Amino acid sequence: MSDLHARMAARVGDLTAVVVARCAAEAPFYGALPRATLQGEVARSIAAVHALLLRALRDGGGGPMGPGDLTRLIEWSARRAEERVPLEAVIAAYLIGAEVWWQTLTEVAEPGELAGAGGKLLACLHAALPAVVLAHQNAQEDLHSEDKRVRRALLGALLAGRPYEELAGVARVAVVGEYEVVAFAFESDPPSRLVQSSLDAFTGIPVLMDHVARIALLPGRSDVPGLVARLEKDVGQPVRAAAARSSVPAAISSAAQEAGRVLDLVRRLGRPPGCYRLDDVLLEHQLARPGDGLVRLAAKLDPLEEHTYLLETLRVFVERGLNRRQTALELCVHRNTLDYRLQRVSALTGLDLAVPAQARLIQAALVARDLAGPADHRGVTGWQGSAGAAESG
């Protein structure tokens, strides 16, 4: 096919220009490139592929591409991946190039030459595309692994209050302005990729997250409650989260510590799933300070230890804002029964719930008891039956 080779070689310059123009018009990635890049690096890559196709025409027999040709294609594809060219853009360019090449063949080839030239083109595509895809994917995996490593290092530096600027540059992450620092707790460990995908989809950008410590940085004033609700749906389980706002990158470390303390309190207190901030557990945060005061405060309710139904009644009464009607409805008891139980609480503890100062002390003692012991004292079984028997006797 030496004559056909010569005819196609005479058209290569025009072919390259047509392929470049069509790539810019039909592939969004190439359309966004500067004109100088299209006419420079992109045009040179296309011309190099045309040279391989010309060689296949010239050599006639044998395989469409030799080992050296495939090596060059693999090298080019890996370089494109390192330059962040999407694989779909690479494939689009190859297919556009093949279409333009075939159209030109139909114009310059003799009838007896066309079948063989078309077969050569298909054979080249068959050999080239799998190698290109594999090389591109391998290079992308290496890049993603390195990107993840750098992003983890960047997040670690921000959370620890260490210098982060150089890592931010390598990771191509702009660390500016406000952040919501959010700590998460799941009932069971969901796949990290699922959690990351949910966060990225909600915010619209790749979110920096430590999937071991379960802490993430959300840009600006993100809708954290909305994110938690979305995350619960995506992972299929309840989620507790604690958020703290950082006005500047230098404050991320202290915000992370605050979010961690709030989440620890929420879990110890047995609070329901949802999003919490320090203001939501401010009293509990102060009561949680270690010392004799917390122990002595919790001990105010020790006389109720053997009367689990009284302790449960007191807890519901406090949780319902000292509202007797709502408490009686939740416990499914008569108001007189509730009054009797509350009188028993006052008699055993020496604290009168009718006195505001003592009622506040009892409320604080319940929190202290939760902090000093198991996270959740609710759910005690059998108290209603025994209580009913005691009250009816």
Protein backbone atom coordinates (compact mmCIF):
# COMPACT_ATOMS: atom_id res chain seq x y z
CA MET A 1 0.00 0.00 0.00
CA SER A 2 2.93 2.34 -0.67
CA ASP A 3 0.89 4.55 -3.03
CA LEU A 4 -1.95 4.86 -0.52
CA HIS A 5 0.60 5.58 2.17
CA ALA A 6 1.99 8.45 0.10
CA ARG A 7 -1.48 9.86 -0.59
CA MET A 8 -2.46 9.76 3.11
CA ALA A 9 0.92 11.21 4.17
CA ALA A 10 0.23 14.21 1.96
CA ARG A 11 -3.02 14.82 3.88
CA VAL A 12 -1.72 14.35 7.45
CA GLY A 13 -1.29 18.08 8.15
CA ASP A 14 -4.87 18.81 7.13
CA LEU A 15 -6.13 15.73 9.00
CA THR A 16 -4.50 16.86 12.21
CA ALA A 17 -6.09 20.30 11.97
CA VAL A 18 -9.54 18.78 11.38
CA VAL A 19 -9.22 16.40 14.34
CA VAL A 20 -8.06 19.22 16.63
CA ALA A 21 -11.02 21.39 15.57
CA ARG A 22 -13.53 18.59 16.06
CA CYS A 23 -12.10 17.67 19.49
CA ALA A 24 -12.47 21.29 20.57
CA ALA A 25 -16.05 21.39 19.26
CA GLU A 26 -17.26 17.98 20.44
CA ALA A 27 -15.31 17.15 23.63
CA PRO A 28 -15.91 19.64 26.50
CA PHE A 29 -12.46 19.06 28.00
CA TYR A 30 -10.67 20.06 24.81
CA GLY A 31 -13.09 22.91 24.19
CA ALA A 32 -12.00 24.48 27.47
CA LEU A 33 -8.28 24.36 26.59
CA PRO A 34 -6.41 27.48 25.44
CA ARG A 35 -5.94 27.80 21.69
CA ALA A 36 -2.16 27.62 22.07
CA THR A 37 -2.46 24.26 23.86
CA LEU A 38 -4.75 22.85 21.20
CA GLN A 39 -2.48 23.90 18.37
CA GLY A 40 0.65 22.90 20.23
CA GLU A 41 0.64 19.86 22.52
CA VAL A 42 -2.73 18.41 21.44
CA ALA A 43 -1.90 18.75 17.73
CA ARG A 44 1.50 17.08 18.26
CA SER A 45 -0.13 14.11 20.02
CA ILE A 46 -2.65 13.67 17.21
CA ALA A 47 0.08 13.93 14.57
CA ALA A 48 2.05 11.23 16.39
CA VAL A 49 -0.94 8.85 16.26
CA HIS A 50 -1.33 9.62 12.57
CA ALA A 51 2.32 8.65 12.11
CA LEU A 52 1.55 5.25 13.65
CA LEU A 53 -1.40 4.78 11.28
CA LEU A 54 0.77 5.75 8.31
CA ARG A 55 3.38 3.22 9.37
CA ALA A 56 0.69 0.52 9.48
CA LEU A 57 -0.28 1.39 5.89
CA ARG A 58 3.32 1.41 4.72
CA ASP A 59 4.37 -1.87 6.34
CA GLY A 60 1.57 -3.85 4.78
CA GLY A 61 1.77 -7.31 6.36
CA GLY A 62 2.32 -8.19 9.96
CA GLY A 63 0.59 -6.74 12.97
CA PRO A 64 -0.92 -3.26 12.90
CA MET A 65 1.45 -2.03 15.60
CA GLY A 66 4.76 -3.21 16.89
CA PRO A 67 5.78 -3.38 20.58
CA GLY A 68 7.53 -0.04 20.27
CA ASP A 69 4.37 1.61 18.94
CA LEU A 70 2.27 0.31 21.85
CA THR A 71 4.95 1.42 24.30
CA ARG A 72 4.70 4.95 22.93
CA LEU A 73 0.90 4.91 23.17
CA ILE A 74 1.08 3.71 26.77
CA GLU A 75 3.60 6.41 27.61
CA TRP A 76 1.42 9.11 26.02
CA SER A 77 -1.69 7.87 27.82
CA ALA A 78 0.05 7.83 31.21
CA ARG A 79 1.28 11.36 30.56
CA ARG A 80 -2.27 12.49 29.71
CA ALA A 81 -3.51 10.98 32.98
CA GLU A 82 -0.77 12.79 34.92
CA GLU A 83 -1.93 16.00 33.24
CA ARG A 84 -5.47 15.28 34.55
CA VAL A 85 -6.95 14.66 31.11
CA PRO A 86 -10.17 12.64 31.67
CA LEU A 87 -10.18 9.18 30.15
CA GLU A 88 -13.46 9.92 28.35
CA ALA A 89 -11.76 12.87 26.60
CA VAL A 90 -8.87 10.64 25.52
CA ILE A 91 -11.24 8.01 24.08
CA ALA A 92 -13.29 10.70 22.34
CA ALA A 93 -10.14 12.04 20.66
CA TYR A 94 -9.17 8.55 19.41
CA LEU A 95 -12.64 7.92 17.99
CA ILE A 96 -12.84 11.33 16.33
CA GLY A 97 -9.39 10.76 14.86
CA ALA A 98 -10.42 7.31 13.57
CA GLU A 99 -13.55 8.76 11.96
CA VAL A 100 -11.61 11.55 10.23
CA TRP A 101 -8.96 9.06 9.12
CA TRP A 102 -11.61 6.77 7.60
CA GLN A 103 -13.37 9.63 5.84
CA THR A 104 -10.08 10.65 4.27
CA LEU A 105 -9.35 7.06 3.25
CA THR A 106 -12.67 6.95 1.36
CA GLU A 107 -11.59 10.06 -0.52
CA VAL A 108 -8.06 9.00 -1.56
CA ALA A 109 -8.11 5.17 -1.67
CA GLU A 110 -8.79 3.15 -4.80
CA PRO A 111 -11.74 0.73 -4.54
CA GLY A 112 -9.42 -2.23 -4.17
CA GLU A 113 -7.42 -0.52 -1.41
CA LEU A 114 -10.27 0.55 0.86
CA ALA A 115 -11.06 -2.80 2.50
CA GLY A 116 -7.45 -3.44 3.46
CA ALA A 117 -6.93 0.11 4.71
CA GLY A 118 -10.14 -0.06 6.77
CA GLY A 119 -9.02 -3.37 8.26
CA LYS A 120 -5.69 -1.81 9.23
CA LEU A 121 -7.51 1.07 10.94
CA LEU A 122 -9.76 -1.27 12.93
CA ALA A 123 -6.81 -3.46 13.87
CA CYS A 124 -4.92 -0.41 15.14
CA LEU A 125 -7.91 0.65 17.24
CA HIS A 126 -8.31 -2.90 18.55
CA ALA A 127 -4.66 -2.98 19.64
CA ALA A 128 -4.43 0.62 20.86
CA LEU A 129 -7.58 1.31 22.87
CA PRO A 130 -7.26 -1.47 25.51
CA ALA A 131 -3.62 -0.51 26.10
CA VAL A 132 -4.52 3.19 26.31
CA VAL A 133 -7.39 2.59 28.75
CA LEU A 134 -5.32 0.30 30.98
CA ALA A 135 -2.37 2.70 31.05
CA HIS A 136 -4.61 5.66 31.77
CA GLN A 137 -6.43 3.86 34.58
CA ASN A 138 -3.20 2.65 36.18
CA ALA A 139 -1.77 6.15 36.09
CA GLN A 140 -5.00 7.58 37.53
CA GLU A 141 -4.96 5.05 40.37
CA ASP A 142 -1.41 6.08 41.21
CA LEU A 143 -2.45 9.72 41.11
CA HIS A 144 -5.52 9.12 43.26
CA SER A 145 -3.45 7.24 45.82
CA GLU A 146 -0.96 10.09 45.97
CA ASP A 147 -3.78 12.64 46.08
CA LYS A 148 -5.38 10.82 49.00
CA ARG A 149 -2.07 10.64 50.84
CA VAL A 150 -1.45 14.36 50.38
CA ARG A 151 -5.04 15.25 51.36
CA ARG A 152 -4.75 13.11 54.49
CA ALA A 153 -1.50 14.85 55.36
CA LEU A 154 -3.12 18.25 54.75
CA LEU A 155 -6.10 17.43 56.97
CA GLY A 156 -3.77 16.08 59.66
CA ALA A 157 -1.79 19.32 59.62
CA LEU A 158 -4.95 21.44 59.88
CA LEU A 159 -6.37 19.37 62.74
CA ALA A 160 -3.07 19.46 64.62
CA GLY A 161 -2.50 23.18 64.06
CA ARG A 162 0.71 22.59 62.07
CA PRO A 163 1.84 24.52 58.95
CA TYR A 164 -0.34 23.45 56.05
CA GLU A 165 0.35 25.87 53.19
CA GLU A 166 2.81 23.69 51.26
CA LEU A 167 0.58 20.62 51.52
CA ALA A 168 -2.42 22.65 50.37
CA GLY A 169 -0.48 23.68 47.26
CA VAL A 170 0.48 20.09 46.43
CA ALA A 171 -3.09 18.90 47.03
CA ARG A 172 -4.47 21.80 44.96
CA VAL A 173 -6.85 22.68 47.81
CA ALA A 174 -7.62 26.31 48.67
CA VAL A 175 -7.67 26.54 52.47
CA VAL A 176 -9.40 29.86 53.12
CA GLY A 177 -12.30 31.33 55.09
CA GLU A 178 -14.69 29.54 57.41
CA TYR A 179 -15.11 25.83 57.99
CA GLU A 180 -17.55 23.65 59.85
CA VAL A 181 -15.53 21.01 61.66
CA VAL A 182 -17.79 17.98 62.10
CA ALA A 183 -17.19 14.81 64.10
CA PHE A 184 -19.37 11.78 63.30
CA ALA A 185 -20.47 8.68 65.19
CA PHE A 186 -22.16 5.74 63.45
CA GLU A 187 -23.93 2.76 64.99
CA SER A 188 -21.84 0.48 62.76
CA ASP A 189 -18.95 1.22 60.42
CA PRO A 190 -20.26 2.16 56.97
CA PRO A 191 -17.92 1.91 53.96
CA SER A 192 -15.60 4.91 53.85
CA ARG A 193 -16.21 5.36 50.13
CA LEU A 194 -19.97 5.61 50.74
CA VAL A 195 -19.52 8.24 53.45
CA GLN A 196 -17.09 10.22 51.30
CA SER A 197 -19.41 10.08 48.30
CA SER A 198 -22.32 11.31 50.39
CA LEU A 199 -20.35 14.26 51.76
CA ASP A 200 -18.97 15.18 48.33
CA ALA A 201 -22.40 14.98 46.71
CA PHE A 202 -24.02 17.16 49.39
CA THR A 203 -21.37 19.89 49.34
CA GLY A 204 -20.58 19.69 45.63
CA ILE A 205 -16.81 19.52 46.25
CA PRO A 206 -14.33 16.90 47.51
CA VAL A 207 -14.53 17.08 51.31
CA LEU A 208 -11.46 16.64 53.49
CA MET A 209 -12.28 13.79 55.89
CA ASP A 210 -10.33 11.53 58.21
CA HIS A 211 -12.20 8.23 57.95
CA VAL A 212 -10.41 6.78 60.97
CA ALA A 213 -11.10 9.66 63.37
CA ARG A 214 -14.46 10.29 61.63
CA ILE A 215 -13.94 14.03 61.35
CA ALA A 216 -14.51 16.26 58.31
CA LEU A 217 -14.02 19.86 57.20
CA LEU A 218 -17.01 21.41 55.45
CA PRO A 219 -16.44 24.71 53.66
CA GLY A 220 -18.22 27.89 54.71
CA ARG A 221 -21.44 27.85 56.69
CA SER A 222 -22.60 24.47 55.47
CA ASP A 223 -26.02 23.07 56.36
CA VAL A 224 -24.73 20.50 58.82
CA PRO A 225 -28.16 19.22 59.99
CA GLY A 226 -29.15 18.78 56.34
CA LEU A 227 -25.91 16.93 55.65
CA VAL A 228 -26.47 14.60 58.62
CA ALA A 229 -30.00 13.82 57.39
CA ARG A 230 -28.66 13.08 53.91
CA LEU A 231 -25.85 10.94 55.33
CA GLU A 232 -28.31 8.90 57.40
CA LYS A 233 -30.27 8.07 54.24
CA ASP A 234 -27.15 7.21 52.27
CA VAL A 235 -25.55 4.93 54.89
CA GLY A 236 -28.86 3.49 56.09
CA GLN A 237 -28.30 4.05 59.80
CA PRO A 238 -28.67 6.74 62.49
CA VAL A 239 -25.85 9.27 62.71
CA ARG A 240 -24.76 11.48 65.58
CA ALA A 241 -22.66 14.49 64.69
CA ALA A 242 -21.09 17.39 66.54
CA ALA A 243 -20.11 20.59 64.76
CA ALA A 244 -17.91 23.53 65.67
CA ARG A 245 -17.28 26.56 63.48
CA SER A 246 -13.79 27.75 62.59
CA SER A 247 -13.61 31.32 61.31
CA VAL A 248 -10.01 30.98 60.08
CA PRO A 249 -7.83 27.96 59.19
CA ALA A 250 -5.70 28.51 62.29
CA ALA A 251 -8.77 27.82 64.47
CA ILE A 252 -9.57 24.44 62.88
CA SER A 253 -7.58 22.55 65.50
CA SER A 254 -9.46 24.03 68.45
CA ALA A 255 -12.79 23.60 66.64
CA ALA A 256 -11.98 19.92 66.10
CA GLN A 257 -11.28 19.48 69.80
CA GLU A 258 -14.58 21.16 70.67
CA ALA A 259 -16.52 18.98 68.22
CA GLY A 260 -14.87 15.88 69.67
CA ARG A 261 -15.81 16.84 73.24
CA VAL A 262 -19.40 17.58 72.26
CA LEU A 263 -19.75 14.27 70.42
CA ASP A 264 -18.32 12.39 73.40
CA LEU A 265 -20.88 14.07 75.68
CA VAL A 266 -23.74 13.31 73.30
CA ARG A 267 -22.80 9.64 73.20
CA ARG A 268 -22.30 9.38 76.97
CA LEU A 269 -25.64 11.05 77.62
CA GLY A 270 -27.42 8.76 75.19
CA ARG A 271 -28.79 11.66 73.16
CA PRO A 272 -30.75 10.73 70.02
CA PRO A 273 -29.18 10.88 66.54
CA GLY A 274 -28.82 14.32 65.01
CA CYS A 275 -26.49 17.30 64.91
CA TYR A 276 -25.26 18.99 68.09
CA ARG A 277 -23.19 22.04 69.00
CA LEU A 278 -21.64 23.11 72.26
CA ASP A 279 -24.62 25.35 73.07
CA ASP A 280 -26.86 22.27 72.95
CA VAL A 281 -24.94 20.62 75.80
CA LEU A 282 -23.46 23.64 77.55
CA LEU A 283 -24.62 22.67 81.05
CA GLU A 284 -23.55 19.08 80.55
CA HIS A 285 -20.17 20.27 79.27
CA GLN A 286 -19.56 22.21 82.47
CA LEU A 287 -20.82 19.38 84.66
CA ALA A 288 -18.53 16.93 82.90
CA ARG A 289 -15.44 18.54 84.38
CA PRO A 290 -13.74 15.86 86.51
CA GLY A 291 -13.67 16.33 90.27
CA ASP A 292 -15.44 15.58 93.53
CA GLY A 293 -18.30 17.92 92.64
CA LEU A 294 -19.54 15.67 89.84
CA VAL A 295 -19.43 12.59 92.05
CA ARG A 296 -21.21 14.32 94.93
CA LEU A 297 -23.83 15.70 92.58
CA ALA A 298 -24.53 12.27 91.09
CA ALA A 299 -24.72 10.82 94.63
CA LYS A 300 -27.81 12.97 95.34
CA LEU A 301 -29.82 10.31 93.50
CA ASP A 302 -28.20 7.27 95.13
CA PRO A 303 -31.27 6.74 97.40
CA LEU A 304 -33.24 5.94 94.21
CA GLU A 305 -30.81 3.24 93.09
CA GLU A 306 -33.02 0.43 94.41
CA HIS A 307 -36.21 2.09 93.12
CA THR A 308 -35.69 1.99 89.39
CA TYR A 309 -39.28 2.99 88.62
CA LEU A 310 -38.84 6.18 90.66
CA LEU A 311 -35.62 7.00 88.85
CA GLU A 312 -37.29 6.45 85.50
CA THR A 313 -40.28 8.56 86.53
CA LEU A 314 -37.95 11.36 87.61
CA ARG A 315 -36.04 11.20 84.33
CA VAL A 316 -39.20 11.45 82.21
CA PHE A 317 -40.51 14.26 84.44
CA VAL A 318 -37.32 16.27 83.90
CA GLU A 319 -37.18 15.51 80.17
CA ARG A 320 -40.78 16.77 79.83
CA GLY A 321 -39.86 20.10 81.45
CA LEU A 322 -41.50 19.20 84.80
CA ASN A 323 -44.85 18.93 83.04
CA ARG A 324 -46.98 16.49 85.06
CA ARG A 325 -49.62 15.94 82.38
CA GLN A 326 -47.13 15.03 79.64
CA THR A 327 -45.15 12.85 82.08
CA ALA A 328 -48.25 10.90 83.13
CA LEU A 329 -49.24 10.39 79.50
CA GLU A 330 -45.79 9.08 78.51
CA LEU A 331 -45.62 6.75 81.52
CA CYS A 332 -49.24 5.64 81.05
CA VAL A 333 -50.07 6.26 84.71
CA HIS A 334 -52.75 8.26 86.51
CA ARG A 335 -51.87 11.76 87.73
CA ASN A 336 -52.34 10.61 91.33
CA THR A 337 -49.83 7.80 90.72
CA LEU A 338 -47.35 10.28 89.31
CA ASP A 339 -47.81 12.62 92.29
CA TYR A 340 -47.20 9.73 94.65
CA ARG A 341 -43.98 8.77 92.89
CA LEU A 342 -42.66 12.33 92.88
CA GLN A 343 -43.43 12.62 96.59
CA ARG A 344 -41.43 9.42 97.14
CA VAL A 345 -38.52 10.92 95.17
CA SER A 346 -38.57 14.00 97.42
CA ALA A 347 -38.81 11.89 100.56
CA LEU A 348 -35.89 9.63 99.62
CA THR A 349 -33.56 12.33 98.29
CA GLY A 350 -34.50 15.17 100.60
CA LEU A 351 -34.95 17.41 97.55
CA ASP A 352 -38.32 19.05 96.91
CA LEU A 353 -39.25 19.29 93.23
CA ALA A 354 -41.65 22.10 94.08
CA VAL A 355 -38.71 24.31 95.10
CA PRO A 356 -37.09 25.76 91.92
CA ALA A 357 -33.53 25.70 93.26
CA GLN A 358 -33.86 22.08 94.39
CA ALA A 359 -35.56 21.08 91.13
CA ARG A 360 -32.57 22.49 89.22
CA LEU A 361 -30.26 20.53 91.51
CA ILE A 362 -32.12 17.32 90.73
CA GLN A 363 -31.89 18.04 87.00
CA ALA A 364 -28.14 18.56 87.31
CA ALA A 365 -27.83 15.39 89.41
CA LEU A 366 -29.46 13.37 86.62
CA VAL A 367 -26.90 14.72 84.12
CA ALA A 368 -24.07 14.01 86.56
CA ARG A 369 -25.36 10.48 87.03
CA ASP A 370 -25.36 9.92 83.27
CA LEU A 371 -21.83 11.29 82.96
CA ALA A 372 -20.49 9.34 85.94
CA GLY A 373 -22.06 6.03 84.97
CA PRO A 374 -23.51 4.32 81.87
CA ALA A 375 -24.49 6.62 79.06
CA ASP A 376 -28.19 5.77 79.19
CA HIS A 377 -30.17 4.65 82.24
CA ARG A 378 -33.45 4.53 80.34
CA GLY A 379 -35.01 1.33 79.12
CA VAL A 380 -35.07 -0.35 82.56
CA THR A 381 -37.44 -3.29 82.23
CA GLY A 382 -39.88 -4.52 84.79
CA TRP A 383 -40.22 -1.27 86.72
CA GLN A 384 -43.82 -0.62 85.73
CA GLY A 385 -45.03 -3.96 86.95
CA SER A 386 -43.21 -3.82 90.29
CA ALA A 387 -44.14 -0.19 90.75
CA GLY A 388 -47.79 -0.90 90.05
CA ALA A 389 -47.75 -3.71 92.59
CA ALA A 390 -46.12 -1.52 95.22
CA GLU A 391 -48.55 1.34 94.61
CA SER A 392 -51.61 -0.85 94.64
CA GLY A 393 -50.53 -2.55 97.89
